[in-house]
Amino acid sequence: MKFTSLWGISSVFPKMLSHFIQAWHEVSLIKNVNSIWHTILFAVLWTTWLNHNEMVFDNGFLDAHQTFFLAKTRLALWFKEKHQSVGVSIEEVVANPPIADRLFFKLRTLSKLSWKALPRWFLKLNIDGTMVENVL
């Protein structure tokens, strides 16, 4: 629930983990699988599993704040490893995970909209498309 609140979402989770996992991707905010949103589930589950093992085998204890921080850190590290060209630091992603999607998709959009020279024989006429209405 802490992760969904970072995206401004209030949520209620089902009792069964399998239903939760199925719903996570069905209710996805961003359909692109490169989104950091799709990595959250794996970061949380892996962090929880490691925390569980520490509690069972090393007499550790559950600290919810530490677990959340570790999951956010793991999420940031995984995202940066996969998308090294995104100009955001790991610390920035840990502090604000949604920023990774905003920067990643902005970068992808800009790279797709690169300028291309027109053929020599092509004539291009630029027109100002503004319009003013008489408002009385």
Protein backbone atom coordinates (compact mmCIF):
# COMPACT_ATOMS: atom_id res chain seq x y z
CA MET A 1 0.00 0.00 0.00
CA LYS A 2 2.95 2.32 0.60
CA PHE A 3 4.08 1.87 -2.99
CA THR A 4 0.66 2.56 -4.48
CA SER A 5 0.40 5.71 -2.35
CA LEU A 6 3.55 7.03 -4.07
CA TRP A 7 1.50 7.09 -7.28
CA GLY A 8 -1.43 8.70 -5.45
CA ILE A 9 -3.52 5.52 -5.38
CA SER A 10 -5.57 4.30 -2.44
CA SER A 11 -5.99 0.56 -2.49
CA VAL A 12 -7.42 -2.43 -0.71
CA PHE A 13 -5.64 -5.71 -1.28
CA PRO A 14 -7.28 -9.12 -1.57
CA LYS A 15 -6.65 -11.81 1.04
CA MET A 16 -5.05 -14.27 -1.39
CA LEU A 17 -1.54 -13.48 -2.67
CA SER A 18 -2.35 -15.11 -6.02
CA HIS A 19 -5.30 -12.73 -6.51
CA PHE A 20 -3.10 -9.79 -5.60
CA ILE A 21 -0.42 -10.77 -8.13
CA GLN A 22 -3.01 -11.23 -10.86
CA ALA A 23 -4.66 -7.90 -10.08
CA TRP A 24 -1.34 -6.00 -9.95
CA HIS A 25 -0.75 -6.26 -13.68
CA GLU A 26 -4.41 -6.10 -14.68
CA VAL A 27 -4.84 -2.78 -12.92
CA SER A 28 -1.50 -1.50 -14.13
CA LEU A 29 -1.22 2.25 -14.52
CA ILE A 30 1.28 1.97 -17.34
CA LYS A 31 0.94 -0.79 -19.91
CA ASN A 32 4.58 -0.57 -21.01
CA VAL A 33 6.48 -3.47 -19.42
CA ASN A 34 9.58 -1.25 -19.10
CA SER A 35 7.76 0.79 -16.48
CA ILE A 36 9.16 0.77 -12.96
CA TRP A 37 5.58 -0.03 -11.86
CA HIS A 38 5.95 -3.60 -13.17
CA THR A 39 9.14 -4.11 -11.16
CA ILE A 40 7.64 -3.07 -7.81
CA LEU A 41 5.88 -6.39 -7.23
CA PHE A 42 9.09 -8.36 -7.73
CA ALA A 43 11.15 -6.02 -5.54
CA VAL A 44 8.61 -6.27 -2.72
CA LEU A 45 8.26 -10.06 -2.95
CA TRP A 46 12.03 -10.62 -3.10
CA THR A 47 12.69 -8.24 -0.20
CA THR A 48 9.94 -9.90 1.85
CA TRP A 49 11.35 -13.35 1.08
CA LEU A 50 14.87 -12.32 2.17
CA ASN A 51 13.46 -10.69 5.30
CA HIS A 52 11.48 -13.85 6.08
CA ASN A 53 14.60 -15.99 5.74
CA GLU A 54 16.53 -13.67 8.05
CA MET A 55 13.78 -13.94 10.66
CA VAL A 56 13.63 -17.74 10.43
CA PHE A 57 17.31 -18.62 10.12
CA ASP A 58 19.10 -15.71 11.82
CA ASN A 59 16.58 -14.79 14.53
CA GLY A 60 15.92 -11.48 12.79
CA PHE A 61 12.86 -9.33 13.27
CA LEU A 62 10.40 -7.56 11.00
CA ASP A 63 10.89 -3.83 10.66
CA ALA A 64 8.26 -2.55 8.21
CA HIS A 65 10.04 0.77 7.61
CA GLN A 66 13.34 -0.94 6.89
CA THR A 67 11.65 -3.47 4.60
CA PHE A 68 9.96 -0.68 2.64
CA PHE A 69 13.26 1.20 2.30
CA LEU A 70 15.08 -1.95 1.19
CA ALA A 71 12.38 -2.71 -1.38
CA LYS A 72 12.59 0.86 -2.75
CA THR A 73 16.38 0.63 -2.91
CA ARG A 74 16.24 -2.74 -4.66
CA LEU A 75 13.64 -1.35 -7.07
CA ALA A 76 15.88 1.64 -7.89
CA LEU A 77 18.95 -0.55 -8.40
CA TRP A 78 17.11 -2.94 -10.71
CA PHE A 79 15.58 -0.09 -12.71
CA LYS A 80 18.92 1.70 -13.14
CA GLU A 81 20.64 -1.53 -14.15
CA LYS A 82 18.07 -2.13 -16.88
CA HIS A 83 17.79 1.51 -18.01
CA GLN A 84 21.24 3.03 -17.60
CA SER A 85 20.59 5.83 -20.10
CA VAL A 86 17.85 7.41 -17.97
CA GLY A 87 19.33 10.54 -16.42
CA VAL A 88 18.27 9.98 -12.84
CA SER A 89 20.33 8.86 -9.86
CA ILE A 90 19.59 5.81 -7.77
CA GLU A 91 19.04 8.10 -4.79
CA GLU A 92 16.39 10.07 -6.70
CA VAL A 93 14.54 6.88 -7.64
CA VAL A 94 14.67 5.64 -4.03
CA ALA A 95 13.25 8.96 -2.83
CA ASN A 96 10.58 9.16 -5.55
CA PRO A 97 10.07 5.99 -7.66
CA PRO A 98 7.44 7.52 -10.02
CA ILE A 99 10.13 9.91 -11.31
CA ALA A 100 11.79 6.97 -13.08
CA ASP A 101 8.75 6.43 -15.31
CA ARG A 102 8.37 10.13 -16.06
CA LEU A 103 12.01 10.46 -17.12
CA PHE A 104 12.16 7.10 -18.90
CA PHE A 105 9.10 7.72 -21.04
CA LYS A 106 10.14 11.33 -21.72
CA LEU A 107 13.53 10.07 -22.92
CA ARG A 108 11.90 7.39 -25.09
CA THR A 109 9.46 9.92 -26.60
CA LEU A 110 12.20 12.43 -27.35
CA SER A 111 14.36 9.82 -29.02
CA LYS A 112 11.48 8.83 -31.30
CA LEU A 113 10.82 12.44 -32.32
CA SER A 114 14.25 13.24 -33.72
CA TRP A 115 14.60 15.80 -36.50
CA LYS A 116 15.15 14.56 -40.04
CA ALA A 117 16.25 16.68 -42.97
CA LEU A 118 13.78 17.01 -45.81
CA PRO A 119 14.72 15.97 -49.35
CA ARG A 120 16.39 18.74 -51.45
CA TRP A 121 13.39 19.09 -53.75
CA PHE A 122 10.89 19.42 -50.88
CA LEU A 123 9.45 22.83 -50.02
CA LYS A 124 8.15 23.31 -46.49
CA LEU A 125 6.01 26.25 -45.47
CA ASN A 126 5.64 26.88 -41.72
CA ILE A 127 2.47 28.70 -40.70
CA ASP A 128 1.66 30.12 -37.31
CA GLY A 129 -1.37 28.15 -36.16
CA THR A 130 -2.62 30.52 -33.48
CA MET A 131 -6.13 31.85 -33.57
CA VAL A 132 -7.65 34.84 -31.85
CA GLU A 133 -11.37 35.07 -31.16
CA ASN A 134 -13.32 38.24 -30.58
CA VAL A 135 -14.54 38.00 -27.04
CA LEU A 136 -16.98 40.73 -26.05
